[in-house]
């Protein structure tokens, strides 16, 4: 089993993420690209001591970056997870 700090990288803060946390009790995290839903659920429950109801994941391809020359680079690929908590549970992200 992977360590929980390697699975959950950081909290993803955006306007949509704050709306999800306020209205639907869902929180958005950037997670490891090779983590599955079961590992993400276990990591969030271990880190925050809250009950997770469901996990949804999305894969994002890194954007192509062009420097001054003709060669191209690429930002890293990343994965986002939306975690739904049980009613009454809250995570203080401040």
PDB file of N, CA and C in Angstrom:
ATOM      1  N   UNK A   1       0.848  -1.181   0.000  1.00  0.00           N
ATOM      2  CA  UNK A   1       0.000   0.000   0.000  1.00  0.00           C
ATOM      3  C   UNK A   1       0.891   1.241   0.000  1.00  0.00           C
ATOM      4  N   UNK A   2       0.501   2.206  -0.772  1.00  0.00           N
ATOM      5  CA  UNK A   2       1.269   3.440  -0.858  1.00  0.00           C
ATOM      6  C   UNK A   2       1.010   4.316   0.359  1.00  0.00           C
ATOM      7  N   UNK A   3       1.930   5.197   0.631  1.00  0.00           N
ATOM      8  CA  UNK A   3       1.746   6.122   1.733  1.00  0.00           C
ATOM      9  C   UNK A   3       0.714   7.177   1.343  1.00  0.00           C
ATOM     10  N   UNK A   4      -0.098   7.610   2.301  1.00  0.00           N
ATOM     11  CA  UNK A   4      -1.214   8.512   2.002  1.00  0.00           C
ATOM     12  C   UNK A   4      -0.741   9.860   1.495  1.00  0.00           C
ATOM     13  N   UNK A   5       0.432  10.299   1.910  1.00  0.00           N
ATOM     14  CA  UNK A   5       0.939  11.590   1.448  1.00  0.00           C
ATOM     15  C   UNK A   5       1.431  11.537   0.004  1.00  0.00           C
ATOM     16  N   UNK A   6       1.704  10.342  -0.513  1.00  0.00           N
ATOM     17  CA  UNK A   6       2.080  10.197  -1.918  1.00  0.00           C
ATOM     18  C   UNK A   6       0.843  10.105  -2.807  1.00  0.00           C
ATOM     19  N   UNK A   7      -0.281   9.703  -2.234  1.00  0.00           N
ATOM     20  CA  UNK A   7      -1.522   9.588  -3.013  1.00  0.00           C
ATOM     21  C   UNK A   7      -2.185  10.949  -3.149  1.00  0.00           C
ATOM     22  N   UNK A   8      -2.465  11.607  -2.032  1.00  0.00           N
ATOM     23  CA  UNK A   8      -3.089  12.932  -2.058  1.00  0.00           C
ATOM     24  C   UNK A   8      -1.971  13.965  -2.089  1.00  0.00           C
ATOM     25  N   UNK A   9      -1.812  14.639  -3.231  1.00  0.00           N
ATOM     26  CA  UNK A   9      -0.715  15.597  -3.383  1.00  0.00           C
ATOM     27  C   UNK A   9      -1.056  16.938  -2.738  1.00  0.00           C
ATOM     28  N   UNK A  10      -2.208  17.522  -3.126  1.00  0.00           N
ATOM     29  CA  UNK A  10      -2.609  18.801  -2.545  1.00  0.00           C
ATOM     30  C   UNK A  10      -4.078  19.049  -2.831  1.00  0.00           C
ATOM     31  N   UNK A  11      -4.627  20.042  -2.158  1.00  0.00           N
ATOM     32  CA  UNK A  11      -6.008  20.446  -2.371  1.00  0.00           C
ATOM     33  C   UNK A  11      -6.054  21.332  -3.605  1.00  0.00           C
ATOM     34  N   UNK A  12      -7.004  21.073  -4.482  1.00  0.00           N
ATOM     35  CA  UNK A  12      -7.153  21.858  -5.710  1.00  0.00           C
ATOM     36  C   UNK A  12      -8.167  22.966  -5.437  1.00  0.00           C
ATOM     37  N   UNK A  13      -7.699  24.208  -5.385  1.00  0.00           N
ATOM     38  CA  UNK A  13      -8.567  25.339  -5.077  1.00  0.00           C
ATOM     39  C   UNK A  13      -8.927  26.087  -6.354  1.00  0.00           C
ATOM     40  N   UNK A  14     -10.214  26.216  -6.609  1.00  0.00           N
ATOM     41  CA  UNK A  14     -10.724  26.971  -7.748  1.00  0.00           C
ATOM     42  C   UNK A  14     -12.139  27.416  -7.398  1.00  0.00           C
ATOM     43  N   UNK A  15     -12.741  28.186  -8.285  1.00  0.00           N
ATOM     44  CA  UNK A  15     -14.119  28.629  -8.034  1.00  0.00           C
ATOM     45  C   UNK A  15     -15.073  27.448  -8.010  1.00  0.00           C
ATOM     46  N   UNK A  16     -14.909  26.546  -8.952  1.00  0.00           N
ATOM     47  CA  UNK A  16     -15.784  25.380  -9.010  1.00  0.00           C
ATOM     48  C   UNK A  16     -15.594  24.495  -7.778  1.00  0.00           C
ATOM     49  N   UNK A  17     -14.362  24.343  -7.329  1.00  0.00           N
ATOM     50  CA  UNK A  17     -14.093  23.523  -6.146  1.00  0.00           C
ATOM     51  C   UNK A  17     -14.722  24.128  -4.896  1.00  0.00           C
ATOM     52  N   UNK A  18     -14.696  25.452  -4.773  1.00  0.00           N
ATOM     53  CA  UNK A  18     -15.309  26.077  -3.598  1.00  0.00           C
ATOM     54  C   UNK A  18     -16.832  25.969  -3.651  1.00  0.00           C
ATOM     55  N   UNK A  19     -17.419  26.047  -4.832  1.00  0.00           N
ATOM     56  CA  UNK A  19     -18.866  25.844  -4.953  1.00  0.00           C
ATOM     57  C   UNK A  19     -19.264  24.416  -4.601  1.00  0.00           C
ATOM     58  N   UNK A  20     -18.466  23.455  -5.031  1.00  0.00           N
ATOM     59  CA  UNK A  20     -18.760  22.061  -4.699  1.00  0.00           C
ATOM     60  C   UNK A  20     -18.686  21.820  -3.196  1.00  0.00           C
ATOM     61  N   UNK A  21     -17.704  22.426  -2.535  1.00  0.00           N
ATOM     62  CA  UNK A  21     -17.569  22.205  -1.099  1.00  0.00           C
ATOM     63  C   UNK A  21     -18.688  22.880  -0.316  1.00  0.00           C
ATOM     64  N   UNK A  22     -19.145  24.043  -0.776  1.00  0.00           N
ATOM     65  CA  UNK A  22     -20.212  24.744  -0.067  1.00  0.00           C
ATOM     66  C   UNK A  22     -21.574  24.084  -0.256  1.00  0.00           C
ATOM     67  N   UNK A  23     -21.892  23.709  -1.481  1.00  0.00           N
ATOM     68  CA  UNK A  23     -23.250  23.248  -1.780  1.00  0.00           C
ATOM     69  C   UNK A  23     -23.424  21.736  -1.704  1.00  0.00           C
ATOM     70  N   UNK A  24     -22.431  20.977  -2.147  1.00  0.00           N
ATOM     71  CA  UNK A  24     -22.605  19.530  -2.271  1.00  0.00           C
ATOM     72  C   UNK A  24     -21.738  18.712  -1.323  1.00  0.00           C
ATOM     73  N   UNK A  25     -20.965  19.366  -0.464  1.00  0.00           N
ATOM     74  CA  UNK A  25     -20.083  18.693   0.486  1.00  0.00           C
ATOM     75  C   UNK A  25     -19.084  17.783  -0.240  1.00  0.00           C
ATOM     76  N   UNK A  26     -18.529  18.293  -1.355  1.00  0.00           N
ATOM     77  CA  UNK A  26     -17.525  17.575  -2.127  1.00  0.00           C
ATOM     78  C   UNK A  26     -16.238  18.390  -2.148  1.00  0.00           C
ATOM     79  N   UNK A  27     -15.115  17.699  -2.100  1.00  0.00           N
ATOM     80  CA  UNK A  27     -13.815  18.364  -2.052  1.00  0.00           C
ATOM     81  C   UNK A  27     -12.943  17.844  -3.183  1.00  0.00           C
ATOM     82  N   UNK A  28     -12.112  18.729  -3.738  1.00  0.00           N
ATOM     83  CA  UNK A  28     -11.316  18.410  -4.910  1.00  0.00           C
ATOM     84  C   UNK A  28      -9.837  18.352  -4.509  1.00  0.00           C
ATOM     85  N   UNK A  29      -9.170  17.269  -4.921  1.00  0.00           N
ATOM     86  CA  UNK A  29      -7.766  17.062  -4.605  1.00  0.00           C
ATOM     87  C   UNK A  29      -7.003  16.726  -5.878  1.00  0.00           C
ATOM     88  N   UNK A  30      -5.730  17.146  -5.935  1.00  0.00           N
ATOM     89  CA  UNK A  30      -4.820  16.635  -6.952  1.00  0.00           C
ATOM     90  C   UNK A  30      -4.180  15.400  -6.357  1.00  0.00           C
ATOM     91  N   UNK A  31      -4.227  14.293  -7.097  1.00  0.00           N
ATOM     92  CA  UNK A  31      -3.754  13.021  -6.567  1.00  0.00           C
ATOM     93  C   UNK A  31      -2.707  12.430  -7.505  1.00  0.00           C
ATOM     94  N   UNK A  32      -2.076  11.381  -7.054  1.00  0.00           N
ATOM     95  CA  UNK A  32      -1.082  10.683  -7.856  1.00  0.00           C
ATOM     96  C   UNK A  32      -1.746  10.071  -9.077  1.00  0.00           C
ATOM     97  N   UNK A  33      -1.046  10.071 -10.211  1.00  0.00           N
ATOM     98  CA  UNK A  33      -1.643   9.576 -11.452  1.00  0.00           C
ATOM     99  C   UNK A  33      -1.873   8.072 -11.444  1.00  0.00           C
ATOM    100  N   UNK A  34      -1.168   7.331 -10.611  1.00  0.00           N
ATOM    101  CA  UNK A  34      -1.371   5.885 -10.575  1.00  0.00           C
ATOM    102  C   UNK A  34      -2.225   5.426  -9.398  1.00  0.00           C
ATOM    103  N   UNK A  35      -2.854   6.343  -8.675  1.00  0.00           N
ATOM    104  CA  UNK A  35      -3.722   5.984  -7.556  1.00  0.00           C
ATOM    105  C   UNK A  35      -5.116   5.651  -8.076  1.00  0.00           C
ATOM    106  N   UNK A  36      -5.726   4.614  -7.496  1.00  0.00           N
ATOM    107  CA  UNK A  36      -7.100   4.283  -7.876  1.00  0.00           C
ATOM    108  C   UNK A  36      -8.082   4.822  -6.836  1.00  0.00           C
ATOM    109  N   UNK A  37      -9.376   4.627  -7.090  1.00  0.00           N
ATOM    110  CA  UNK A  37     -10.401   5.222  -6.225  1.00  0.00           C
ATOM    111  C   UNK A  37     -10.364   4.662  -4.805  1.00  0.00           C
ATOM    112  N   UNK A  38     -10.066   3.390  -4.669  1.00  0.00           N
ATOM    113  CA  UNK A  38     -10.017   2.773  -3.339  1.00  0.00           C
ATOM    114  C   UNK A  38      -8.868   3.362  -2.526  1.00  0.00           C
ATOM    115  N   UNK A  39      -7.716   3.542  -3.147  1.00  0.00           N
ATOM    116  CA  UNK A  39      -6.567   4.132  -2.454  1.00  0.00           C
ATOM    117  C   UNK A  39      -6.830   5.588  -2.092  1.00  0.00           C
ATOM    118  N   UNK A  40      -7.486   6.332  -2.970  1.00  0.00           N
ATOM    119  CA  UNK A  40      -7.813   7.734  -2.687  1.00  0.00           C
ATOM    120  C   UNK A  40      -8.780   7.826  -1.516  1.00  0.00           C
ATOM    121  N   UNK A  41      -9.788   6.972  -1.509  1.00  0.00           N
ATOM    122  CA  UNK A  41     -10.765   6.960  -0.408  1.00  0.00           C
ATOM    123  C   UNK A  41     -10.070   6.656   0.917  1.00  0.00           C
ATOM    124  N   UNK A  42      -9.224   5.650   0.936  1.00  0.00           N
ATOM    125  CA  UNK A  42      -8.503   5.293   2.160  1.00  0.00           C
ATOM    126  C   UNK A  42      -7.584   6.425   2.618  1.00  0.00           C
ATOM    127  N   UNK A  43      -6.917   7.099   1.674  1.00  0.00           N
ATOM    128  CA  UNK A  43      -5.995   8.170   2.028  1.00  0.00           C
ATOM    129  C   UNK A  43      -6.726   9.363   2.627  1.00  0.00           C
ATOM    130  N   UNK A  44      -7.864   9.756   2.042  1.00  0.00           N
ATOM    131  CA  UNK A  44      -8.622  10.899   2.567  1.00  0.00           C
ATOM    132  C   UNK A  44      -9.202  10.561   3.934  1.00  0.00           C
ATOM    133  N   UNK A  45      -9.711   9.348   4.106  1.00  0.00           N
ATOM    134  CA  UNK A  45     -10.248   8.954   5.419  1.00  0.00           C
ATOM    135  C   UNK A  45      -9.145   8.923   6.473  1.00  0.00           C
ATOM    136  N   UNK A  46      -7.951   8.514   6.105  1.00  0.00           N
ATOM    137  CA  UNK A  46      -6.839   8.467   7.053  1.00  0.00           C
ATOM    138  C   UNK A  46      -6.334   9.866   7.396  1.00  0.00           C
ATOM    139  N   UNK A  47      -6.192  10.731   6.390  1.00  0.00           N
ATOM    140  CA  UNK A  47      -5.647  12.066   6.625  1.00  0.00           C
ATOM    141  C   UNK A  47      -6.597  12.967   7.404  1.00  0.00           C
ATOM    142  N   UNK A  48      -7.871  12.963   7.031  1.00  0.00           N
ATOM    143  CA  UNK A  48      -8.816  13.933   7.586  1.00  0.00           C
ATOM    144  C   UNK A  48      -9.773  13.343   8.607  1.00  0.00           C
ATOM    145  N   UNK A  49      -9.740  12.028   8.821  1.00  0.00           N
ATOM    146  CA  UNK A  49     -10.611  11.349   9.799  1.00  0.00           C
ATOM    147  C   UNK A  49     -12.092  11.617   9.518  1.00  0.00           C
ATOM    148  N   UNK A  50     -12.480  11.564   8.234  1.00  0.00           N
ATOM    149  CA  UNK A  50     -13.862  11.765   7.806  1.00  0.00           C
ATOM    150  C   UNK A  50     -14.303  10.554   6.995  1.00  0.00           C
ATOM    151  N   UNK A  51     -15.630  10.346   6.903  1.00  0.00           N
ATOM    152  CA  UNK A  51     -16.160   9.217   6.143  1.00  0.00           C
ATOM    153  C   UNK A  51     -16.411   9.640   4.696  1.00  0.00           C
ATOM    154  N   UNK A  52     -15.806   8.923   3.754  1.00  0.00           N
ATOM    155  CA  UNK A  52     -15.944   9.209   2.328  1.00  0.00           C
ATOM    156  C   UNK A  52     -17.057   8.338   1.756  1.00  0.00           C
ATOM    157  N   UNK A  53     -17.976   8.979   1.017  1.00  0.00           N
ATOM    158  CA  UNK A  53     -19.085   8.265   0.405  1.00  0.00           C
ATOM    159  C   UNK A  53     -18.724   7.805  -0.999  1.00  0.00           C
ATOM    160  N   UNK A  54     -18.159   8.704  -1.818  1.00  0.00           N
ATOM    161  CA  UNK A  54     -17.799   8.330  -3.182  1.00  0.00           C
ATOM    162  C   UNK A  54     -16.594   9.139  -3.651  1.00  0.00           C
ATOM    163  N   UNK A  55     -15.949   8.615  -4.696  1.00  0.00           N
ATOM    164  CA  UNK A  55     -14.787   9.260  -5.294  1.00  0.00           C
ATOM    165  C   UNK A  55     -14.957   9.236  -6.803  1.00  0.00           C
ATOM    166  N   UNK A  56     -14.764  10.391  -7.438  1.00  0.00           N
ATOM    167  CA  UNK A  56     -14.751  10.483  -8.903  1.00  0.00           C
ATOM    168  C   UNK A  56     -13.384  10.998  -9.312  1.00  0.00           C
ATOM    169  N   UNK A  57     -12.825  10.433 -10.389  1.00  0.00           N
ATOM    170  CA  UNK A  57     -11.492  10.824 -10.816  1.00  0.00           C
ATOM    171  C   UNK A  57     -11.497  11.264 -12.269  1.00  0.00           C
ATOM    172  N   UNK A  58     -10.550  12.148 -12.599  1.00  0.00           N
ATOM    173  CA  UNK A  58     -10.366  12.632 -13.962  1.00  0.00           C
ATOM    174  C   UNK A  58      -8.877  12.721 -14.255  1.00  0.00           C
ATOM    175  N   UNK A  59      -8.488  12.300 -15.447  1.00  0.00           N
ATOM    176  CA  UNK A  59      -7.104  12.391 -15.897  1.00  0.00           C
ATOM    177  C   UNK A  59      -6.957  13.615 -16.796  1.00  0.00           C
ATOM    178  N   UNK A  60      -5.899  14.366 -16.619  1.00  0.00           N
ATOM    179  CA  UNK A  60      -5.631  15.533 -17.444  1.00  0.00           C
ATOM    180  C   UNK A  60      -4.255  15.379 -18.092  1.00  0.00           C
ATOM    181  N   UNK A  61      -4.196  15.651 -19.384  1.00  0.00           N
ATOM    182  CA  UNK A  61      -2.921  15.616 -20.093  1.00  0.00           C
ATOM    183  C   UNK A  61      -2.225  16.952 -19.901  1.00  0.00           C
ATOM    184  N   UNK A  62      -0.912  16.896 -19.743  1.00  0.00           N
ATOM    185  CA  UNK A  62      -0.150  18.119 -19.588  1.00  0.00           C
ATOM    186  C   UNK A  62      -0.144  18.932 -20.869  1.00  0.00           C
ATOM    187  N   UNK A  63      -0.187  20.234 -20.722  1.00  0.00           N
ATOM    188  CA  UNK A  63      -0.207  21.107 -21.898  1.00  0.00           C
ATOM    189  C   UNK A  63       1.157  21.128 -22.575  1.00  0.00           C
ATOM    190  N   UNK A  64       1.134  21.273 -23.883  1.00  0.00           N
ATOM    191  CA  UNK A  64       2.372  21.397 -24.643  1.00  0.00           C
ATOM    192  C   UNK A  64       2.885  22.823 -24.487  1.00  0.00           C
ATOM    193  N   UNK A  65       4.151  22.925 -24.152  1.00  0.00           N
ATOM    194  CA  UNK A  65       4.784  24.224 -23.957  1.00  0.00           C
ATOM    195  C   UNK A  65       5.830  24.422 -25.036  1.00  0.00           C
ATOM    196  N   UNK A  66       5.883  25.616 -25.617  1.00  0.00           N
ATOM    197  CA  UNK A  66       6.856  25.913 -26.660  1.00  0.00           C
ATOM    198  C   UNK A  66       7.795  26.989 -26.157  1.00  0.00           C
ATOM    199  N   UNK A  67       9.048  26.726 -26.295  1.00  0.00           N
ATOM    200  CA  UNK A  67      10.067  27.706 -25.928  1.00  0.00           C
ATOM    201  C   UNK A  67      10.395  28.559 -27.152  1.00  0.00           C
ATOM    202  N   UNK A  68      11.400  29.360 -27.061  1.00  0.00           N
ATOM    203  CA  UNK A  68      11.777  30.244 -28.170  1.00  0.00           C
ATOM    204  C   UNK A  68      12.281  29.459 -29.388  1.00  0.00           C
ATOM    205  N   UNK A  69      12.798  28.308 -29.148  1.00  0.00           N
ATOM    206  CA  UNK A  69      13.284  27.476 -30.256  1.00  0.00           C
ATOM    207  C   UNK A  69      12.122  26.673 -30.827  1.00  0.00           C
ATOM    208  N   UNK A  70      12.417  25.808 -31.754  1.00  0.00           N
ATOM    209  CA  UNK A  70      11.382  25.021 -32.410  1.00  0.00           C
ATOM    210  C   UNK A  70      11.006  23.766 -31.639  1.00  0.00           C
ATOM    211  N   UNK A  71      11.787  23.408 -30.601  1.00  0.00           N
ATOM    212  CA  UNK A  71      11.456  22.182 -29.874  1.00  0.00           C
ATOM    213  C   UNK A  71      10.347  22.439 -28.852  1.00  0.00           C
ATOM    214  N   UNK A  72       9.624  21.385 -28.538  1.00  0.00           N
ATOM    215  CA  UNK A  72       8.469  21.497 -27.660  1.00  0.00           C
ATOM    216  C   UNK A  72       8.720  20.747 -26.365  1.00  0.00           C
ATOM    217  N   UNK A  73       8.110  21.216 -25.332  1.00  0.00           N
ATOM    218  CA  UNK A  73       8.133  20.536 -24.055  1.00  0.00           C
ATOM    219  C   UNK A  73       6.706  20.251 -23.625  1.00  0.00           C
ATOM    220  N   UNK A  74       6.548  19.703 -22.470  1.00  0.00           N
ATOM    221  CA  UNK A  74       5.217  19.358 -22.001  1.00  0.00           C
ATOM    222  C   UNK A  74       5.184  19.486 -20.484  1.00  0.00           C
ATOM    223  N   UNK A  75       4.084  20.059 -19.983  1.00  0.00           N
ATOM    224  CA  UNK A  75       3.861  20.044 -18.543  1.00  0.00           C
ATOM    225  C   UNK A  75       3.494  18.619 -18.126  1.00  0.00           C
ATOM    226  N   UNK A  76       3.568  18.359 -16.849  1.00  0.00           N
ATOM    227  CA  UNK A  76       3.299  17.014 -16.359  1.00  0.00           C
ATOM    228  C   UNK A  76       1.810  16.682 -16.456  1.00  0.00           C
ATOM    229  N   UNK A  77       1.498  15.411 -16.741  1.00  0.00           N
ATOM    230  CA  UNK A  77       0.132  14.935 -16.679  1.00  0.00           C
ATOM    231  C   UNK A  77      -0.280  14.914 -15.205  1.00  0.00           C
ATOM    232  N   UNK A  78      -1.586  15.088 -14.931  1.00  0.00           N
ATOM    233  CA  UNK A  78      -2.031  15.075 -13.542  1.00  0.00           C
ATOM    234  C   UNK A  78      -3.429  14.494 -13.446  1.00  0.00           C
ATOM    235  N   UNK A  79      -3.819  14.178 -12.237  1.00  0.00           N
ATOM    236  CA  UNK A  79      -5.103  13.532 -11.985  1.00  0.00           C
ATOM    237  C   UNK A  79      -5.832  14.294 -10.890  1.00  0.00           C
ATOM    238  N   UNK A  80      -7.140  14.472 -11.086  1.00  0.00           N
ATOM    239  CA  UNK A  80      -7.962  15.190 -10.121  1.00  0.00           C
ATOM    240  C   UNK A  80      -8.993  14.224  -9.553  1.00  0.00           C
ATOM    241  N   UNK A  81      -9.275  14.330  -8.256  1.00  0.00           N
ATOM    242  CA  UNK A  81     -10.277  13.496  -7.611  1.00  0.00           C
ATOM    243  C   UNK A  81     -11.280  14.383  -6.887  1.00  0.00           C
ATOM    244  N   UNK A  82     -12.571  14.112  -7.104  1.00  0.00           N
ATOM    245  CA  UNK A  82     -13.639  14.787  -6.383  1.00  0.00           C
ATOM    246  C   UNK A  82     -14.180  13.797  -5.357  1.00  0.00           C
ATOM    247  N   UNK A  83     -14.067  14.158  -4.082  1.00  0.00           N
ATOM    248  CA  UNK A  83     -14.413  13.268  -2.980  1.00  0.00           C
ATOM    249  C   UNK A  83     -15.682  13.775  -2.311  1.00  0.00           C
ATOM    250  N   UNK A  84     -16.690  12.925  -2.222  1.00  0.00           N
ATOM    251  CA  UNK A  84     -17.941  13.262  -1.529  1.00  0.00           C
ATOM    252  C   UNK A  84     -17.872  12.721  -0.114  1.00  0.00           C
ATOM    253  N   UNK A  85     -18.176  13.582   0.846  1.00  0.00           N
ATOM    254  CA  UNK A  85     -18.158  13.175   2.246  1.00  0.00           C
ATOM    255  C   UNK A  85     -19.566  12.868   2.735  1.00  0.00           C
ATOM    256  N   UNK A  86     -19.653  12.158   3.840  1.00  0.00           N
ATOM    257  CA  UNK A  86     -20.929  11.821   4.455  1.00  0.00           C
ATOM    258  C   UNK A  86     -21.591  13.110   4.958  1.00  0.00           C
ATOM    259  N   UNK A  87     -22.918  13.129   5.017  1.00  0.00           N
ATOM    260  CA  UNK A  87     -23.600  14.320   5.544  1.00  0.00           C
ATOM    261  C   UNK A  87     -23.151  14.634   6.973  1.00  0.00           C
ATOM    262  N   UNK A  88     -22.865  15.892   7.223  1.00  0.00           N
ATOM    263  CA  UNK A  88     -22.413  16.316   8.538  1.00  0.00           C
ATOM    264  C   UNK A  88     -20.905  16.416   8.659  1.00  0.00           C
ATOM    265  N   UNK A  89     -20.154  15.784   7.762  1.00  0.00           N
ATOM    266  CA  UNK A  89     -18.694  15.872   7.786  1.00  0.00           C
ATOM    267  C   UNK A  89     -18.236  17.056   6.972  1.00  0.00           C
ATOM    268  N   UNK A  90     -17.248  17.769   7.457  1.00  0.00           N
ATOM    269  CA  UNK A  90     -16.658  18.910   6.755  1.00  0.00           C
ATOM    270  C   UNK A  90     -15.151  18.855   6.906  1.00  0.00           C
ATOM    271  N   UNK A  91     -14.446  19.338   5.884  1.00  0.00           N
ATOM    272  CA  UNK A  91     -12.989  19.483   5.955  1.00  0.00           C
ATOM    273  C   UNK A  91     -12.696  20.981   5.943  1.00  0.00           C
ATOM    274  N   UNK A  92     -11.931  21.436   6.929  1.00  0.00           N
ATOM    275  CA  UNK A  92     -11.587  22.857   6.995  1.00  0.00           C
ATOM    276  C   UNK A  92     -10.371  23.109   6.128  1.00  0.00           C
ATOM    277  N   UNK A  93     -10.603  23.715   4.966  1.00  0.00           N
ATOM    278  CA  UNK A  93      -9.516  24.033   4.033  1.00  0.00           C
ATOM    279  C   UNK A  93      -9.328  25.545   4.045  1.00  0.00           C
ATOM    280  N   UNK A  94      -8.481  26.018   4.921  1.00  0.00           N
ATOM    281  CA  UNK A  94      -8.259  27.461   5.000  1.00  0.00           C
ATOM    282  C   UNK A  94      -6.822  27.784   5.293  1.00  0.00           C
TER     283      UNK A  94
END
